[in-house]
Amino acid sequence: NEPIEREGLLFPEDELLTYNGVLPDGDPEKVVVCDVAWGGGDSLSMPIVYKFGEDVYIHDVVFNKGDKSVTYPVVIGRIKQHLPHKARFEANNGGHEYADNVDKALRKDGVHIHVFSKKAPSSQSKLARIVQFAPDIKRFYFLGTKYRSKEYREFMREVTTFVQTGKNPHDDAVDSLTQLSMFCENPYTTVTRVTKGGRFR
């Protein structure tokens, strides 16, 4: 219920593409991109994406302020639910450790998907990256307002109140969409690691 000045909003609700929760026919590429947080007021933000060619549908999200004891089972459970082909975690601030633990838990349960981590580029500020990829984000399809879960609504509230001038209390949701845009632009730019036994992933 907090009033928001429309001037300076980067992603006004009425400028975003929406759909009614029904995905197109066809066989999508499914990916998740996770901006890791460890609690303390920040939110772990993980858009779950169904991609049909150039069309990107944000079909579900994990958006949670809990610490790792809360978010690990949520993230792992949602990955098991959607079974994405790839899961990219931002490696900064211990994100690589988070990705490794998620990967181990999934493999233990017999779920084998491509989990990797990648550091955010340090050559420009976070705000500059968000502004750069804003046009791409505005081409994503988001669930319409009446089809959103409480978690999705909180995620979208942070997106639609983000300002490019002034202060933003939190930018986790928008940052995860920026990472998603970067991933869609360069899907094969991954960090390759050798695990025990000489397996590459």
N, C-alpha and C. Protein backbone atom coordinates (compact mmCIF):
# COMPACT_ATOMS: atom_id res chain seq x y z
N ASN A 1 0.80 -1.21 0.00
CA ASN A 1 0.00 0.00 0.00
C ASN A 1 0.84 1.27 0.00
N GLU A 2 2.14 1.12 -0.20
CA GLU A 2 3.00 2.30 -0.22
C GLU A 2 2.89 2.99 -1.57
N PRO A 3 2.69 4.32 -1.59
CA PRO A 3 2.59 5.03 -2.87
C PRO A 3 3.93 5.01 -3.60
N ILE A 4 3.88 4.81 -4.90
CA ILE A 4 5.09 4.76 -5.72
C ILE A 4 4.99 5.83 -6.80
N GLU A 5 6.03 6.62 -6.93
CA GLU A 5 6.08 7.61 -8.00
C GLU A 5 6.33 6.89 -9.32
N ARG A 6 5.46 7.14 -10.31
CA ARG A 6 5.63 6.47 -11.59
C ARG A 6 6.88 6.94 -12.30
N GLU A 7 7.23 8.21 -12.11
CA GLU A 7 8.42 8.74 -12.77
C GLU A 7 9.66 8.01 -12.26
N GLY A 8 10.43 7.50 -13.16
CA GLY A 8 11.65 6.79 -12.79
C GLY A 8 11.48 5.29 -12.72
N LEU A 9 10.22 4.80 -12.76
CA LEU A 9 10.01 3.35 -12.76
C LEU A 9 10.59 2.74 -14.03
N LEU A 10 11.35 1.68 -13.87
CA LEU A 10 11.95 1.04 -15.03
C LEU A 10 11.04 -0.03 -15.64
N PHE A 11 10.20 -0.65 -14.79
CA PHE A 11 9.34 -1.73 -15.27
C PHE A 11 7.89 -1.53 -14.79
N PRO A 12 7.22 -0.47 -15.26
CA PRO A 12 5.82 -0.29 -14.85
C PRO A 12 4.98 -1.50 -15.24
N GLU A 13 4.05 -1.87 -14.38
CA GLU A 13 3.23 -3.05 -14.62
C GLU A 13 2.57 -3.03 -15.99
N ASP A 14 2.08 -1.86 -16.40
CA ASP A 14 1.33 -1.80 -17.67
C ASP A 14 2.23 -1.83 -18.90
N GLU A 15 3.54 -1.88 -18.71
CA GLU A 15 4.46 -2.00 -19.85
C GLU A 15 5.02 -3.42 -19.98
N LEU A 16 4.59 -4.31 -19.11
CA LEU A 16 5.09 -5.68 -19.15
C LEU A 16 4.11 -6.60 -19.89
N LEU A 17 4.65 -7.59 -20.57
CA LEU A 17 3.83 -8.58 -21.25
C LEU A 17 3.37 -9.63 -20.24
N THR A 18 2.11 -10.03 -20.35
CA THR A 18 1.57 -11.02 -19.42
C THR A 18 0.83 -12.12 -20.18
N TYR A 19 0.62 -13.25 -19.49
CA TYR A 19 -0.16 -14.35 -20.06
C TYR A 19 -0.97 -15.00 -18.94
N ASN A 20 -1.86 -15.88 -19.32
CA ASN A 20 -2.84 -16.42 -18.36
C ASN A 20 -2.41 -17.73 -17.73
N GLY A 21 -1.13 -18.06 -17.81
CA GLY A 21 -0.64 -19.28 -17.20
C GLY A 21 -0.64 -20.47 -18.13
N VAL A 22 -1.29 -20.34 -19.30
CA VAL A 22 -1.32 -21.43 -20.27
C VAL A 22 -0.15 -21.25 -21.24
N LEU A 23 0.76 -22.21 -21.25
CA LEU A 23 1.95 -22.12 -22.10
C LEU A 23 1.62 -22.53 -23.53
N PRO A 24 2.41 -22.04 -24.50
CA PRO A 24 2.20 -22.45 -25.89
C PRO A 24 2.45 -23.95 -26.07
N ASP A 25 1.93 -24.48 -27.15
CA ASP A 25 2.24 -25.87 -27.51
C ASP A 25 3.71 -25.96 -27.92
N GLY A 26 4.25 -27.12 -27.78
CA GLY A 26 5.64 -27.32 -28.18
C GLY A 26 6.49 -27.81 -27.03
N ASP A 27 7.76 -28.02 -27.33
CA ASP A 27 8.71 -28.55 -26.36
C ASP A 27 9.67 -27.44 -25.96
N PRO A 28 9.47 -26.82 -24.78
CA PRO A 28 10.29 -25.67 -24.42
C PRO A 28 11.65 -26.08 -23.88
N GLU A 29 12.57 -25.13 -23.94
CA GLU A 29 13.79 -25.24 -23.16
C GLU A 29 13.47 -24.67 -21.78
N LYS A 30 13.79 -25.41 -20.73
CA LYS A 30 13.48 -24.96 -19.38
C LYS A 30 14.78 -24.63 -18.65
N VAL A 31 14.84 -23.43 -18.09
CA VAL A 31 16.04 -23.00 -17.37
C VAL A 31 15.62 -22.29 -16.08
N VAL A 32 16.51 -22.34 -15.09
CA VAL A 32 16.35 -21.50 -13.92
C VAL A 32 17.62 -20.70 -13.73
N VAL A 33 17.45 -19.48 -13.25
CA VAL A 33 18.58 -18.60 -12.95
C VAL A 33 18.37 -18.11 -11.52
N CYS A 34 19.39 -18.28 -10.68
CA CYS A 34 19.23 -18.00 -9.26
C CYS A 34 20.21 -16.94 -8.77
N ASP A 35 19.65 -15.88 -8.21
CA ASP A 35 20.44 -14.87 -7.50
C ASP A 35 20.41 -15.28 -6.03
N VAL A 36 21.52 -15.82 -5.55
CA VAL A 36 21.58 -16.42 -4.22
C VAL A 36 21.61 -15.35 -3.13
N ALA A 37 20.90 -15.60 -2.04
CA ALA A 37 20.97 -14.76 -0.84
C ALA A 37 21.00 -15.69 0.36
N TRP A 38 21.56 -15.20 1.43
CA TRP A 38 21.75 -16.02 2.62
C TRP A 38 20.86 -15.55 3.77
N GLY A 39 19.84 -14.75 3.50
CA GLY A 39 19.00 -14.19 4.54
C GLY A 39 19.43 -12.76 4.85
N GLY A 40 19.13 -12.29 6.03
CA GLY A 40 19.56 -10.94 6.43
C GLY A 40 18.82 -9.83 5.71
N GLY A 41 17.62 -10.10 5.22
CA GLY A 41 16.84 -9.05 4.56
C GLY A 41 16.82 -9.15 3.06
N ASP A 42 17.84 -9.80 2.46
CA ASP A 42 17.85 -10.00 1.01
C ASP A 42 17.03 -11.24 0.66
N SER A 43 16.55 -11.28 -0.57
CA SER A 43 15.76 -12.42 -1.02
C SER A 43 16.53 -13.26 -2.03
N LEU A 44 16.51 -14.57 -1.85
CA LEU A 44 16.93 -15.45 -2.94
C LEU A 44 15.87 -15.34 -4.02
N SER A 45 16.30 -15.10 -5.25
CA SER A 45 15.36 -14.89 -6.35
C SER A 45 15.71 -15.83 -7.50
N MET A 46 14.76 -16.69 -7.86
CA MET A 46 15.02 -17.69 -8.90
C MET A 46 13.85 -17.77 -9.87
N PRO A 47 13.90 -17.04 -10.99
CA PRO A 47 12.89 -17.21 -12.03
C PRO A 47 13.00 -18.60 -12.66
N ILE A 48 11.86 -19.21 -12.92
CA ILE A 48 11.79 -20.52 -13.56
C ILE A 48 11.16 -20.31 -14.92
N VAL A 49 11.93 -20.62 -15.95
CA VAL A 49 11.63 -20.13 -17.30
C VAL A 49 11.32 -21.28 -18.25
N TYR A 50 10.26 -21.09 -19.04
CA TYR A 50 9.95 -21.97 -20.15
C TYR A 50 10.17 -21.13 -21.42
N LYS A 51 11.11 -21.56 -22.24
CA LYS A 51 11.52 -20.75 -23.39
C LYS A 51 11.12 -21.48 -24.68
N PHE A 52 10.29 -20.81 -25.46
CA PHE A 52 9.84 -21.33 -26.74
C PHE A 52 10.46 -20.47 -27.84
N GLY A 53 11.56 -20.92 -28.42
CA GLY A 53 12.27 -20.09 -29.38
C GLY A 53 12.77 -18.82 -28.71
N GLU A 54 12.32 -17.68 -29.22
CA GLU A 54 12.73 -16.40 -28.64
C GLU A 54 11.79 -15.93 -27.53
N ASP A 55 10.69 -16.65 -27.33
CA ASP A 55 9.69 -16.23 -26.34
C ASP A 55 10.01 -16.83 -24.97
N VAL A 56 10.15 -15.96 -23.98
CA VAL A 56 10.55 -16.36 -22.64
C VAL A 56 9.37 -16.17 -21.68
N TYR A 57 8.94 -17.24 -21.04
CA TYR A 57 7.82 -17.20 -20.10
C TYR A 57 8.35 -17.44 -18.68
N ILE A 58 8.12 -16.47 -17.79
CA ILE A 58 8.48 -16.63 -16.38
C ILE A 58 7.32 -17.37 -15.73
N HIS A 59 7.41 -18.70 -15.75
CA HIS A 59 6.25 -19.53 -15.38
C HIS A 59 6.12 -19.72 -13.88
N ASP A 60 7.21 -19.54 -13.15
CA ASP A 60 7.19 -19.73 -11.70
C ASP A 60 8.41 -19.00 -11.15
N VAL A 61 8.41 -18.73 -9.86
CA VAL A 61 9.58 -18.11 -9.23
C VAL A 61 9.74 -18.67 -7.82
N VAL A 62 10.98 -18.69 -7.35
CA VAL A 62 11.27 -18.81 -5.93
C VAL A 62 11.73 -17.43 -5.48
N PHE A 63 11.09 -16.89 -4.46
CA PHE A 63 11.43 -15.56 -3.96
C PHE A 63 11.28 -15.63 -2.45
N ASN A 64 12.41 -15.73 -1.75
CA ASN A 64 12.35 -16.13 -0.35
C ASN A 64 13.44 -15.43 0.45
N LYS A 65 13.07 -14.83 1.58
CA LYS A 65 14.01 -14.11 2.43
C LYS A 65 14.68 -15.00 3.49
N GLY A 66 14.37 -16.28 3.49
CA GLY A 66 14.90 -17.17 4.51
C GLY A 66 16.39 -17.42 4.37
N ASP A 67 16.99 -18.00 5.42
CA ASP A 67 18.39 -18.39 5.32
C ASP A 67 18.48 -19.72 4.57
N LYS A 68 19.70 -20.26 4.45
CA LYS A 68 19.90 -21.43 3.60
C LYS A 68 19.12 -22.65 4.09
N SER A 69 18.89 -22.75 5.40
CA SER A 69 18.13 -23.89 5.90
C SER A 69 16.69 -23.86 5.40
N VAL A 70 16.20 -22.67 5.06
CA VAL A 70 14.84 -22.50 4.52
C VAL A 70 14.85 -22.63 3.00
N THR A 71 15.81 -21.98 2.34
CA THR A 71 15.75 -21.90 0.88
C THR A 71 16.25 -23.15 0.17
N TYR A 72 17.21 -23.89 0.77
CA TYR A 72 17.69 -25.10 0.09
C TYR A 72 16.54 -26.05 -0.28
N PRO A 73 15.71 -26.47 0.66
CA PRO A 73 14.64 -27.40 0.27
C PRO A 73 13.64 -26.80 -0.71
N VAL A 74 13.40 -25.49 -0.63
CA VAL A 74 12.48 -24.85 -1.57
C VAL A 74 13.05 -24.87 -2.98
N VAL A 75 14.31 -24.46 -3.11
CA VAL A 75 14.97 -24.44 -4.42
C VAL A 75 15.05 -25.85 -5.01
N ILE A 76 15.48 -26.81 -4.20
CA ILE A 76 15.62 -28.19 -4.67
C ILE A 76 14.26 -28.74 -5.07
N GLY A 77 13.24 -28.47 -4.25
CA GLY A 77 11.90 -28.97 -4.56
C GLY A 77 11.34 -28.39 -5.84
N ARG A 78 11.56 -27.10 -6.07
CA ARG A 78 11.03 -26.46 -7.27
C ARG A 78 11.77 -26.94 -8.52
N ILE A 79 13.07 -27.20 -8.39
CA ILE A 79 13.82 -27.76 -9.52
C ILE A 79 13.32 -29.16 -9.85
N LYS A 80 13.04 -29.96 -8.84
CA LYS A 80 12.48 -31.29 -9.08
C LYS A 80 11.11 -31.20 -9.75
N GLN A 81 10.35 -30.19 -9.36
CA GLN A 81 9.01 -30.03 -9.94
C GLN A 81 9.07 -29.71 -11.42
N HIS A 82 9.96 -28.78 -11.80
CA HIS A 82 9.98 -28.30 -13.19
C HIS A 82 11.00 -29.02 -14.06
N LEU A 83 12.01 -29.65 -13.46
CA LEU A 83 13.06 -30.37 -14.18
C LEU A 83 13.64 -29.55 -15.34
N PRO A 84 14.27 -28.41 -15.01
CA PRO A 84 14.88 -27.60 -16.07
C PRO A 84 16.07 -28.32 -16.69
N HIS A 85 16.42 -27.90 -17.90
CA HIS A 85 17.60 -28.45 -18.56
C HIS A 85 18.88 -27.88 -17.96
N LYS A 86 18.82 -26.62 -17.51
CA LYS A 86 19.99 -25.95 -16.95
C LYS A 86 19.58 -25.12 -15.75
N ALA A 87 20.50 -25.04 -14.79
CA ALA A 87 20.28 -24.19 -13.61
C ALA A 87 21.55 -23.39 -13.37
N ARG A 88 21.43 -22.07 -13.53
CA ARG A 88 22.58 -21.18 -13.40
C ARG A 88 22.46 -20.39 -12.10
N PHE A 89 23.50 -20.44 -11.28
CA PHE A 89 23.55 -19.70 -10.03
C PHE A 89 24.64 -18.64 -10.12
N GLU A 90 24.34 -17.43 -9.63
CA GLU A 90 25.37 -16.41 -9.59
C GLU A 90 26.42 -16.84 -8.56
N ALA A 91 27.68 -16.84 -8.98
CA ALA A 91 28.75 -17.40 -8.15
C ALA A 91 29.21 -16.43 -7.06
N ASN A 92 28.90 -15.15 -7.20
CA ASN A 92 29.36 -14.17 -6.23
C ASN A 92 28.82 -14.46 -4.83
N ASN A 93 29.55 -14.04 -3.82
CA ASN A 93 29.10 -14.13 -2.41
C ASN A 93 28.71 -15.55 -2.00
N GLY A 94 29.51 -16.51 -2.42
CA GLY A 94 29.27 -17.89 -2.02
C GLY A 94 28.24 -18.63 -2.84
N GLY A 95 27.81 -18.04 -3.95
CA GLY A 95 26.82 -18.71 -4.79
C GLY A 95 27.31 -20.01 -5.38
N HIS A 96 28.64 -20.12 -5.62
CA HIS A 96 29.18 -21.37 -6.16
C HIS A 96 28.99 -22.51 -5.16
N GLU A 97 29.16 -22.21 -3.88
CA GLU A 97 28.94 -23.22 -2.83
C GLU A 97 27.47 -23.64 -2.80
N TYR A 98 26.59 -22.67 -2.92
CA TYR A 98 25.15 -22.95 -2.92
C TYR A 98 24.81 -23.87 -4.10
N ALA A 99 25.33 -23.55 -5.28
CA ALA A 99 25.08 -24.36 -6.47
C ALA A 99 25.60 -25.78 -6.30
N ASP A 100 26.80 -25.93 -5.74
CA ASP A 100 27.37 -27.26 -5.52
C ASP A 100 26.49 -28.09 -4.60
N ASN A 101 26.00 -27.47 -3.54
CA ASN A 101 25.17 -28.21 -2.58
C ASN A 101 23.82 -28.61 -3.19
N VAL A 102 23.26 -27.72 -4.00
CA VAL A 102 22.01 -28.06 -4.70
C VAL A 102 22.25 -29.22 -5.66
N ASP A 103 23.35 -29.15 -6.40
CA ASP A 103 23.68 -30.20 -7.36
C ASP A 103 23.86 -31.55 -6.66
N LYS A 104 24.57 -31.55 -5.54
CA LYS A 104 24.78 -32.80 -4.79
C LYS A 104 23.46 -33.38 -4.30
N ALA A 105 22.58 -32.51 -3.79
CA ALA A 105 21.29 -32.98 -3.28
C ALA A 105 20.44 -33.55 -4.41
N LEU A 106 20.45 -32.90 -5.57
CA LEU A 106 19.68 -33.40 -6.71
C LEU A 106 20.21 -34.74 -7.18
N ARG A 107 21.53 -34.86 -7.30
CA ARG A 107 22.12 -36.12 -7.76
C ARG A 107 21.84 -37.25 -6.79
N LYS A 108 21.86 -36.93 -5.50
CA LYS A 108 21.56 -37.94 -4.49
C LYS A 108 20.16 -38.50 -4.68
N ASP A 109 19.24 -37.63 -5.16
CA ASP A 109 17.86 -38.05 -5.41
C ASP A 109 17.65 -38.53 -6.85
N GLY A 110 18.74 -38.70 -7.59
CA GLY A 110 18.65 -39.23 -8.94
C GLY A 110 18.24 -38.23 -10.00
N VAL A 111 18.36 -36.94 -9.68
CA VAL A 111 18.01 -35.89 -10.65
C VAL A 111 19.31 -35.31 -11.22
N HIS A 112 19.54 -35.51 -12.51
CA HIS A 112 20.79 -35.08 -13.13
C HIS A 112 20.49 -34.00 -14.18
N ILE A 113 20.74 -32.76 -13.80
CA ILE A 113 20.60 -31.66 -14.74
C ILE A 113 21.91 -30.86 -14.72
N HIS A 114 22.04 -29.95 -15.65
CA HIS A 114 23.27 -29.17 -15.75
C HIS A 114 23.19 -27.99 -14.78
N VAL A 115 23.85 -28.12 -13.64
CA VAL A 115 23.91 -27.06 -12.63
C VAL A 115 25.29 -26.42 -12.70
N PHE A 116 25.33 -25.10 -12.81
CA PHE A 116 26.62 -24.42 -12.86
C PHE A 116 26.51 -23.04 -12.22
N SER A 117 27.65 -22.45 -11.95
CA SER A 117 27.66 -21.11 -11.38
C SER A 117 28.55 -20.21 -12.22
N LYS A 118 28.24 -18.93 -12.21
CA LYS A 118 28.99 -17.94 -13.00
C LYS A 118 29.00 -16.62 -12.27
N LYS A 119 30.15 -15.99 -12.22
CA LYS A 119 30.26 -14.70 -11.55
C LYS A 119 29.64 -13.59 -12.38
N ALA A 120 29.03 -12.63 -11.70
CA ALA A 120 28.52 -11.44 -12.39
C ALA A 120 29.70 -10.62 -12.87
N PRO A 121 29.61 -10.00 -14.05
CA PRO A 121 30.72 -9.18 -14.54
C PRO A 121 30.97 -7.99 -13.63
N SER A 122 32.23 -7.67 -13.44
CA SER A 122 32.60 -6.56 -12.55
C SER A 122 32.94 -5.30 -13.31
N SER A 123 32.76 -5.34 -14.64
CA SER A 123 33.17 -4.20 -15.46
C SER A 123 32.16 -3.05 -15.45
N GLN A 124 30.96 -3.29 -14.91
CA GLN A 124 29.96 -2.22 -14.83
C GLN A 124 29.13 -2.42 -13.58
N SER A 125 28.46 -1.36 -13.15
CA SER A 125 27.66 -1.44 -11.94
C SER A 125 26.41 -2.28 -12.17
N LYS A 126 25.82 -2.74 -11.07
CA LYS A 126 24.60 -3.53 -11.17
C LYS A 126 23.49 -2.73 -11.83
N LEU A 127 23.35 -1.45 -11.45
CA LEU A 127 22.31 -0.62 -12.03
C LEU A 127 22.52 -0.47 -13.53
N ALA A 128 23.76 -0.28 -13.96
CA ALA A 128 24.04 -0.14 -15.39
C ALA A 128 23.65 -1.41 -16.15
N ARG A 129 23.91 -2.56 -15.55
CA ARG A 129 23.52 -3.84 -16.19
C ARG A 129 22.00 -3.94 -16.28
N ILE A 130 21.32 -3.56 -15.20
CA ILE A 130 19.86 -3.65 -15.19
C ILE A 130 19.26 -2.75 -16.27
N VAL A 131 19.75 -1.52 -16.37
CA VAL A 131 19.25 -0.59 -17.38
C VAL A 131 19.56 -1.11 -18.78
N GLN A 132 20.75 -1.68 -18.96
CA GLN A 132 21.15 -2.21 -20.27
C GLN A 132 20.20 -3.31 -20.75
N PHE A 133 19.80 -4.18 -19.82
CA PHE A 133 18.99 -5.33 -20.21
C PHE A 133 17.49 -5.11 -20.00
N ALA A 134 17.10 -3.91 -19.58
CA ALA A 134 15.68 -3.61 -19.37
C ALA A 134 14.83 -3.89 -20.62
N PRO A 135 15.26 -3.50 -21.82
CA PRO A 135 14.43 -3.80 -23.00
C PRO A 135 14.21 -5.29 -23.21
N ASP A 136 15.21 -6.11 -22.88
CA ASP A 136 15.06 -7.57 -23.01
C ASP A 136 14.05 -8.09 -21.98
N ILE A 137 14.14 -7.58 -20.76
CA ILE A 137 13.22 -8.02 -19.71
C ILE A 137 11.78 -7.67 -20.08
N LYS A 138 11.59 -6.53 -20.75
CA LYS A 138 10.24 -6.13 -21.15
C LYS A 138 9.68 -6.98 -22.27
N ARG A 139 10.50 -7.87 -22.82
CA ARG A 139 9.99 -8.82 -23.82
C ARG A 139 9.64 -10.17 -23.21
N PHE A 140 9.92 -10.35 -21.91
CA PHE A 140 9.53 -11.57 -21.22
C PHE A 140 8.02 -11.57 -20.97
N TYR A 141 7.45 -12.76 -20.85
CA TYR A 141 6.04 -12.90 -20.50
C TYR A 141 5.93 -13.29 -19.03
N PHE A 142 5.19 -12.49 -18.26
CA PHE A 142 4.97 -12.74 -16.85
C PHE A 142 3.53 -13.20 -16.64
N LEU A 143 3.30 -13.96 -15.59
CA LEU A 143 1.93 -14.34 -15.27
C LEU A 143 1.08 -13.10 -15.02
N GLY A 144 -0.15 -13.10 -15.52
CA GLY A 144 -1.07 -12.01 -15.25
C GLY A 144 -1.38 -11.92 -13.76
N THR A 145 -1.83 -10.77 -13.31
CA THR A 145 -1.97 -10.52 -11.88
C THR A 145 -2.84 -11.56 -11.16
N LYS A 146 -3.91 -12.02 -11.78
CA LYS A 146 -4.81 -12.94 -11.07
C LYS A 146 -4.33 -14.39 -11.10
N TYR A 147 -3.22 -14.64 -11.78
CA TYR A 147 -2.69 -16.00 -11.85
C TYR A 147 -1.43 -16.17 -10.99
N ARG A 148 -1.07 -15.13 -10.24
CA ARG A 148 0.18 -15.16 -9.47
C ARG A 148 -0.02 -15.70 -8.06
N SER A 149 0.93 -16.52 -7.64
CA SER A 149 0.96 -16.95 -6.23
C SER A 149 1.41 -15.77 -5.37
N LYS A 150 1.32 -15.93 -4.06
CA LYS A 150 1.79 -14.88 -3.15
C LYS A 150 3.27 -14.59 -3.39
N GLU A 151 4.04 -15.65 -3.58
CA GLU A 151 5.48 -15.50 -3.82
C GLU A 151 5.74 -14.75 -5.12
N TYR A 152 4.99 -15.09 -6.14
CA TYR A 152 5.13 -14.43 -7.45
C TYR A 152 4.73 -12.96 -7.33
N ARG A 153 3.67 -12.68 -6.56
CA ARG A 153 3.24 -11.29 -6.38
C ARG A 153 4.32 -10.45 -5.68
N GLU A 154 4.96 -11.03 -4.68
CA GLU A 154 6.04 -10.30 -3.99
C GLU A 154 7.21 -10.05 -4.93
N PHE A 155 7.52 -11.04 -5.75
CA PHE A 155 8.57 -10.89 -6.76
C PHE A 155 8.23 -9.75 -7.71
N MET A 156 7.01 -9.73 -8.22
CA MET A 156 6.60 -8.72 -9.19
C MET A 156 6.49 -7.34 -8.55
N ARG A 157 6.13 -7.28 -7.27
CA ARG A 157 6.07 -5.99 -6.59
C ARG A 157 7.46 -5.35 -6.59
N GLU A 158 8.49 -6.16 -6.34
CA GLU A 158 9.85 -5.62 -6.34
C GLU A 158 10.28 -5.20 -7.74
N VAL A 159 9.84 -5.96 -8.75
CA VAL A 159 10.18 -5.60 -10.14
C VAL A 159 9.51 -4.30 -10.54
N THR A 160 8.21 -4.19 -10.29
CA THR A 160 7.44 -3.06 -10.81
C THR A 160 7.62 -1.78 -10.01
N THR A 161 8.29 -1.83 -8.87
CA THR A 161 8.56 -0.62 -8.09
C THR A 161 10.02 -0.20 -8.17
N PHE A 162 10.79 -0.90 -9.00
CA PHE A 162 12.22 -0.57 -9.15
C PHE A 162 12.37 0.75 -9.91
N VAL A 163 13.15 1.66 -9.35
CA VAL A 163 13.38 2.95 -10.00
C VAL A 163 14.84 3.06 -10.45
N GLN A 164 15.03 3.70 -11.60
CA GLN A 164 16.38 3.89 -12.09
C GLN A 164 17.00 5.18 -11.57
N THR A 165 16.19 6.00 -10.93
CA THR A 165 16.70 7.20 -10.26
C THR A 165 16.24 7.14 -8.82
N GLY A 166 17.12 7.35 -7.89
CA GLY A 166 16.74 7.24 -6.49
C GLY A 166 17.16 5.91 -5.91
N LYS A 167 16.67 5.62 -4.72
CA LYS A 167 17.10 4.43 -3.99
C LYS A 167 16.06 3.32 -4.10
N ASN A 168 16.57 2.08 -4.21
CA ASN A 168 15.72 0.90 -4.18
C ASN A 168 16.07 0.09 -2.94
N PRO A 169 15.10 -0.15 -2.06
CA PRO A 169 15.40 -0.93 -0.86
C PRO A 169 15.98 -2.30 -1.19
N HIS A 170 15.46 -2.92 -2.27
CA HIS A 170 15.93 -4.24 -2.69
C HIS A 170 15.90 -4.32 -4.21
N ASP A 171 16.84 -5.08 -4.76
CA ASP A 171 16.88 -5.23 -6.22
C ASP A 171 17.06 -6.69 -6.61
N ASP A 172 16.75 -7.62 -5.69
CA ASP A 172 17.03 -9.03 -5.94
C ASP A 172 16.23 -9.58 -7.12
N ALA A 173 14.94 -9.25 -7.20
CA ALA A 173 14.10 -9.75 -8.28
C ALA A 173 14.58 -9.23 -9.63
N VAL A 174 14.85 -7.94 -9.70
CA VAL A 174 15.30 -7.33 -10.96
C VAL A 174 16.67 -7.86 -11.34
N ASP A 175 17.54 -8.04 -10.36
CA ASP A 175 18.88 -8.56 -10.64
C ASP A 175 18.81 -9.97 -11.22
N SER A 176 17.92 -10.80 -10.69
CA SER A 176 17.80 -12.16 -11.23
C SER A 176 17.28 -12.14 -12.66
N LEU A 177 16.38 -11.20 -13.00
CA LEU A 177 15.91 -11.08 -14.38
C LEU A 177 17.01 -10.59 -15.31
N THR A 178 17.87 -9.74 -14.78
CA THR A 178 19.03 -9.29 -15.58
C THR A 178 19.96 -10.46 -15.86
N GLN A 179 20.21 -11.27 -14.84
CA GLN A 179 21.04 -12.45 -15.04
C GLN A 179 20.40 -13.40 -16.05
N LEU A 180 19.08 -13.52 -16.00
CA LEU A 180 18.37 -14.35 -16.98
C LEU A 180 18.56 -13.80 -18.39
N SER A 181 18.46 -12.48 -18.54
CA SER A 181 18.66 -11.86 -19.86
C SER A 181 20.06 -12.15 -20.38
N MET A 182 21.05 -12.03 -19.50
CA MET A 182 22.43 -12.30 -19.90
C MET A 182 22.59 -13.76 -20.29
N PHE A 183 21.94 -14.65 -19.56
CA PHE A 183 22.01 -16.07 -19.87
C PHE A 183 21.36 -16.36 -21.22
N CYS A 184 20.21 -15.76 -21.49
CA CYS A 184 19.53 -15.98 -22.76
C CYS A 184 20.37 -15.47 -23.93
N GLU A 185 21.13 -14.41 -23.67
CA GLU A 185 21.98 -13.85 -24.72
C GLU A 185 23.21 -14.72 -24.98
N ASN A 186 23.76 -15.30 -23.91
CA ASN A 186 24.95 -16.14 -24.03
C ASN A 186 24.75 -17.44 -23.26
N PRO A 187 23.88 -18.33 -23.76
CA PRO A 187 23.54 -19.53 -22.99
C PRO A 187 24.68 -20.52 -22.85
N TYR A 188 25.69 -20.39 -23.70
CA TYR A 188 26.78 -21.37 -23.65
C TYR A 188 28.00 -20.85 -22.90
N THR A 189 27.89 -19.66 -22.32
CA THR A 189 28.98 -19.12 -21.51
C THR A 189 28.80 -19.64 -20.10
N THR A 190 29.42 -20.76 -19.80
CA THR A 190 29.25 -21.40 -18.51
C THR A 190 30.60 -21.64 -17.87
N VAL A 191 30.57 -21.94 -16.61
CA VAL A 191 31.78 -22.32 -15.90
C VAL A 191 31.85 -23.84 -15.91
N THR A 192 32.91 -24.39 -16.47
CA THR A 192 33.08 -25.84 -16.51
C THR A 192 33.97 -26.27 -15.37
N ARG A 193 33.50 -27.26 -14.62
CA ARG A 193 34.29 -27.75 -13.50
C ARG A 193 34.48 -29.25 -13.67
N VAL A 194 35.61 -29.76 -13.19
CA VAL A 194 35.84 -31.19 -13.17
C VAL A 194 35.50 -31.69 -11.78
N THR A 195 34.59 -32.65 -11.71
CA THR A 195 34.23 -33.22 -10.42
C THR A 195 35.02 -34.50 -10.19
N LYS A 196 34.87 -35.07 -9.02
CA LYS A 196 35.59 -36.30 -8.71
C LYS A 196 35.23 -37.39 -9.72
N GLY A 197 36.26 -38.13 -10.14
CA GLY A 197 36.03 -39.15 -11.14
C GLY A 197 36.26 -38.65 -12.55
N GLY A 198 36.64 -37.38 -12.68
CA GLY A 198 36.99 -36.84 -13.99
C GLY A 198 35.82 -36.45 -14.85
N ARG A 199 34.62 -36.38 -14.27
CA ARG A 199 33.44 -36.00 -15.07
C ARG A 199 33.42 -34.49 -15.25
N PHE A 200 33.07 -34.08 -16.45
CA PHE A 200 32.94 -32.65 -16.72
C PHE A 200 31.48 -32.26 -16.63
N ARG A 201 31.26 -31.01 -16.18
CA ARG A 201 29.89 -30.47 -16.21
C ARG A 201 29.97 -28.95 -16.28
